[in-house]
Amino acid sequence: MEFVGENLKGCTPPGPPLPPQSFSCKKTAKTLFGEITLPWGVCINSAAPVNLRPDYPNYGPTEGTWPTLAACKAACK
């Protein structure tokens, strides 16, 4: 029996390519105890539910949109 994982090196999954990601800076979050200000900015995927759904735990407004995590970290302090 052949181990399938060995054949996956360098393979791209079938199907359409994934959409490009972007990152946003978050400095506040909704918690069980109310809205809090984070001690430093946190970069998260702009499409994460925590950014899009006000009923989602840790929801909070975000600032900016950067094409890479590194660019977001440089701007989000």
N, C-alpha and C. Protein backbone atom coordinates (compact mmCIF):
# COMPACT_ATOMS: atom_id res chain seq x y z
N MET A 1 0.85 -1.18 0.00
CA MET A 1 0.00 0.00 0.00
C MET A 1 0.90 1.24 0.00
N GLU A 2 0.58 2.19 -0.82
CA GLU A 2 1.37 3.41 -0.98
C GLU A 2 0.84 4.50 -0.04
N PHE A 3 1.76 5.21 0.60
CA PHE A 3 1.38 6.32 1.48
C PHE A 3 1.10 7.54 0.62
N VAL A 4 -0.12 8.05 0.67
CA VAL A 4 -0.57 9.13 -0.21
C VAL A 4 0.17 10.43 0.08
N GLY A 5 0.46 10.74 1.33
CA GLY A 5 1.10 12.00 1.70
C GLY A 5 2.43 12.22 1.01
N GLU A 6 3.14 11.15 0.70
CA GLU A 6 4.44 11.28 0.04
C GLU A 6 4.29 11.84 -1.37
N ASN A 7 3.16 11.64 -1.99
CA ASN A 7 2.95 12.09 -3.36
C ASN A 7 2.44 13.53 -3.44
N LEU A 8 2.19 14.18 -2.33
CA LEU A 8 1.58 15.49 -2.35
C LEU A 8 2.59 16.63 -2.40
N LYS A 9 3.88 16.35 -2.27
CA LYS A 9 4.87 17.42 -2.30
C LYS A 9 4.81 18.16 -3.63
N GLY A 10 4.68 19.49 -3.57
CA GLY A 10 4.67 20.30 -4.77
C GLY A 10 3.37 20.28 -5.54
N CYS A 11 2.37 19.59 -5.04
CA CYS A 11 1.09 19.53 -5.74
C CYS A 11 0.21 20.70 -5.35
N THR A 12 -0.59 21.14 -6.27
CA THR A 12 -1.60 22.13 -5.96
C THR A 12 -2.94 21.42 -5.92
N PRO A 13 -3.78 21.80 -4.97
CA PRO A 13 -5.07 21.12 -4.87
C PRO A 13 -5.92 21.40 -6.10
N PRO A 14 -6.78 20.45 -6.46
CA PRO A 14 -7.66 20.68 -7.62
C PRO A 14 -8.67 21.77 -7.31
N GLY A 15 -9.19 22.36 -8.33
CA GLY A 15 -10.22 23.38 -8.15
C GLY A 15 -9.68 24.77 -8.45
N PRO A 16 -10.55 25.76 -8.31
CA PRO A 16 -10.14 27.13 -8.63
C PRO A 16 -9.12 27.64 -7.61
N PRO A 17 -8.28 28.58 -8.01
CA PRO A 17 -7.30 29.12 -7.07
C PRO A 17 -8.01 29.87 -5.94
N LEU A 18 -7.37 29.89 -4.79
CA LEU A 18 -7.93 30.60 -3.65
C LEU A 18 -7.88 32.11 -3.91
N PRO A 19 -8.87 32.85 -3.42
CA PRO A 19 -8.84 34.30 -3.61
C PRO A 19 -7.70 34.92 -2.80
N PRO A 20 -7.21 36.06 -3.22
CA PRO A 20 -6.14 36.69 -2.45
C PRO A 20 -6.64 37.09 -1.07
N GLN A 21 -5.76 37.01 -0.09
CA GLN A 21 -6.12 37.39 1.27
C GLN A 21 -5.73 38.84 1.52
N SER A 22 -6.39 39.46 2.47
CA SER A 22 -5.98 40.76 2.96
C SER A 22 -6.10 40.74 4.48
N PHE A 23 -5.42 41.66 5.13
CA PHE A 23 -5.37 41.68 6.58
C PHE A 23 -5.76 43.05 7.10
N SER A 24 -6.42 43.06 8.26
CA SER A 24 -6.86 44.29 8.90
C SER A 24 -6.35 44.34 10.33
N CYS A 25 -6.25 45.55 10.87
CA CYS A 25 -5.76 45.76 12.22
C CYS A 25 -6.94 45.94 13.17
N LYS A 26 -6.92 45.21 14.26
CA LYS A 26 -7.98 45.27 15.25
C LYS A 26 -7.40 45.76 16.57
N LYS A 27 -8.06 46.76 17.18
CA LYS A 27 -7.56 47.32 18.44
C LYS A 27 -8.58 47.24 19.58
N THR A 28 -9.82 46.81 19.27
CA THR A 28 -10.84 46.60 20.30
C THR A 28 -11.53 45.27 20.04
N ALA A 29 -12.15 44.71 21.07
CA ALA A 29 -12.86 43.45 20.93
C ALA A 29 -14.03 43.41 21.91
N LYS A 30 -15.12 42.80 21.49
CA LYS A 30 -16.29 42.60 22.34
C LYS A 30 -16.06 41.34 23.15
N THR A 31 -16.21 41.42 24.45
CA THR A 31 -16.03 40.26 25.32
C THR A 31 -17.27 40.06 26.18
N LEU A 32 -17.25 39.04 26.98
CA LEU A 32 -18.32 38.77 27.92
C LEU A 32 -18.50 39.94 28.89
N PHE A 33 -17.43 40.68 29.14
CA PHE A 33 -17.45 41.78 30.10
C PHE A 33 -17.62 43.15 29.45
N GLY A 34 -17.91 43.19 28.16
CA GLY A 34 -18.07 44.44 27.43
C GLY A 34 -16.92 44.62 26.44
N GLU A 35 -16.90 45.77 25.80
CA GLU A 35 -15.85 46.04 24.82
C GLU A 35 -14.56 46.44 25.52
N ILE A 36 -13.45 45.88 25.06
CA ILE A 36 -12.16 46.20 25.65
C ILE A 36 -11.23 46.76 24.58
N THR A 37 -10.26 47.54 25.02
CA THR A 37 -9.20 48.01 24.14
C THR A 37 -8.02 47.06 24.31
N LEU A 38 -7.54 46.52 23.21
CA LEU A 38 -6.40 45.59 23.27
C LEU A 38 -5.13 46.38 23.56
N PRO A 39 -4.19 45.77 24.28
CA PRO A 39 -2.96 46.49 24.62
C PRO A 39 -2.09 46.82 23.40
N TRP A 40 -2.30 46.11 22.30
CA TRP A 40 -1.61 46.39 21.04
C TRP A 40 -2.52 45.91 19.91
N GLY A 41 -2.30 46.43 18.73
CA GLY A 41 -3.09 46.02 17.58
C GLY A 41 -2.81 44.59 17.17
N VAL A 42 -3.82 43.93 16.66
CA VAL A 42 -3.71 42.55 16.21
C VAL A 42 -4.13 42.49 14.75
N CYS A 43 -3.32 41.86 13.91
CA CYS A 43 -3.64 41.70 12.49
C CYS A 43 -4.38 40.38 12.28
N ILE A 44 -5.53 40.47 11.61
CA ILE A 44 -6.30 39.27 11.32
C ILE A 44 -6.81 39.33 9.88
N ASN A 45 -7.16 38.17 9.37
CA ASN A 45 -7.68 38.08 8.01
C ASN A 45 -8.94 38.93 7.90
N SER A 46 -9.00 39.77 6.88
CA SER A 46 -10.14 40.68 6.71
C SER A 46 -11.46 39.95 6.53
N ALA A 47 -11.44 38.72 6.06
CA ALA A 47 -12.67 37.96 5.82
C ALA A 47 -13.07 37.09 7.01
N ALA A 48 -12.36 37.18 8.14
CA ALA A 48 -12.68 36.36 9.30
C ALA A 48 -14.03 36.75 9.89
N PRO A 49 -14.82 35.78 10.38
CA PRO A 49 -16.13 36.10 10.96
C PRO A 49 -16.04 37.12 12.10
N VAL A 50 -14.93 37.12 12.81
CA VAL A 50 -14.75 38.05 13.92
C VAL A 50 -14.73 39.50 13.41
N ASN A 51 -14.49 39.71 12.14
CA ASN A 51 -14.53 41.05 11.54
C ASN A 51 -15.89 41.37 10.96
N LEU A 52 -16.63 40.36 10.54
CA LEU A 52 -17.82 40.59 9.73
C LEU A 52 -19.13 40.46 10.49
N ARG A 53 -19.16 39.75 11.60
CA ARG A 53 -20.41 39.48 12.28
C ARG A 53 -20.43 40.07 13.69
N PRO A 54 -21.23 41.10 13.93
CA PRO A 54 -21.28 41.72 15.25
C PRO A 54 -21.70 40.77 16.37
N ASP A 55 -22.40 39.67 16.04
CA ASP A 55 -22.82 38.72 17.06
C ASP A 55 -21.73 37.68 17.37
N TYR A 56 -20.62 37.75 16.68
CA TYR A 56 -19.53 36.78 16.85
C TYR A 56 -18.65 37.19 18.04
N PRO A 57 -18.22 36.24 18.89
CA PRO A 57 -17.34 36.60 20.00
C PRO A 57 -16.08 37.32 19.51
N ASN A 58 -15.63 38.28 20.25
CA ASN A 58 -14.43 39.08 19.96
C ASN A 58 -14.60 40.01 18.76
N TYR A 59 -15.85 40.24 18.31
CA TYR A 59 -16.07 41.18 17.22
C TYR A 59 -15.56 42.56 17.63
N GLY A 60 -15.06 43.28 16.69
CA GLY A 60 -14.64 44.65 16.92
C GLY A 60 -14.29 45.29 15.60
N PRO A 61 -14.37 46.60 15.53
CA PRO A 61 -14.04 47.27 14.28
C PRO A 61 -12.57 47.07 13.92
N THR A 62 -12.28 47.09 12.65
CA THR A 62 -10.90 46.97 12.20
C THR A 62 -10.52 48.21 11.41
N GLU A 63 -9.22 48.39 11.26
CA GLU A 63 -8.70 49.53 10.52
C GLU A 63 -7.84 49.02 9.38
N GLY A 64 -7.94 49.66 8.23
CA GLY A 64 -7.05 49.40 7.10
C GLY A 64 -7.24 48.04 6.46
N THR A 65 -6.62 47.91 5.30
CA THR A 65 -6.58 46.65 4.58
C THR A 65 -5.21 46.55 3.93
N TRP A 66 -4.45 45.52 4.30
CA TRP A 66 -3.11 45.31 3.76
C TRP A 66 -3.06 43.98 3.03
N PRO A 67 -2.27 43.90 1.95
CA PRO A 67 -2.22 42.68 1.15
C PRO A 67 -1.43 41.55 1.80
N THR A 68 -0.58 41.87 2.77
CA THR A 68 0.21 40.83 3.42
C THR A 68 0.15 41.01 4.93
N LEU A 69 0.40 39.93 5.65
CA LEU A 69 0.43 39.98 7.10
C LEU A 69 1.59 40.87 7.57
N ALA A 70 2.72 40.79 6.90
CA ALA A 70 3.88 41.61 7.26
C ALA A 70 3.58 43.09 7.14
N ALA A 71 2.88 43.50 6.08
CA ALA A 71 2.53 44.91 5.89
C ALA A 71 1.56 45.36 6.99
N CYS A 72 0.63 44.51 7.36
CA CYS A 72 -0.31 44.84 8.43
C CYS A 72 0.43 45.01 9.75
N LYS A 73 1.32 44.07 10.06
CA LYS A 73 2.07 44.14 11.32
C LYS A 73 2.90 45.42 11.40
N ALA A 74 3.45 45.85 10.29
CA ALA A 74 4.27 47.07 10.27
C ALA A 74 3.42 48.31 10.57
N ALA A 75 2.15 48.30 10.17
CA ALA A 75 1.29 49.46 10.34
C ALA A 75 0.43 49.40 11.60
N CYS A 76 0.18 48.23 12.12
CA CYS A 76 -0.74 48.01 13.23
C CYS A 76 0.04 47.94 14.54
N LYS A 77 0.08 49.03 15.23
CA LYS A 77 0.85 49.06 16.49
C LYS A 77 0.00 49.47 17.64
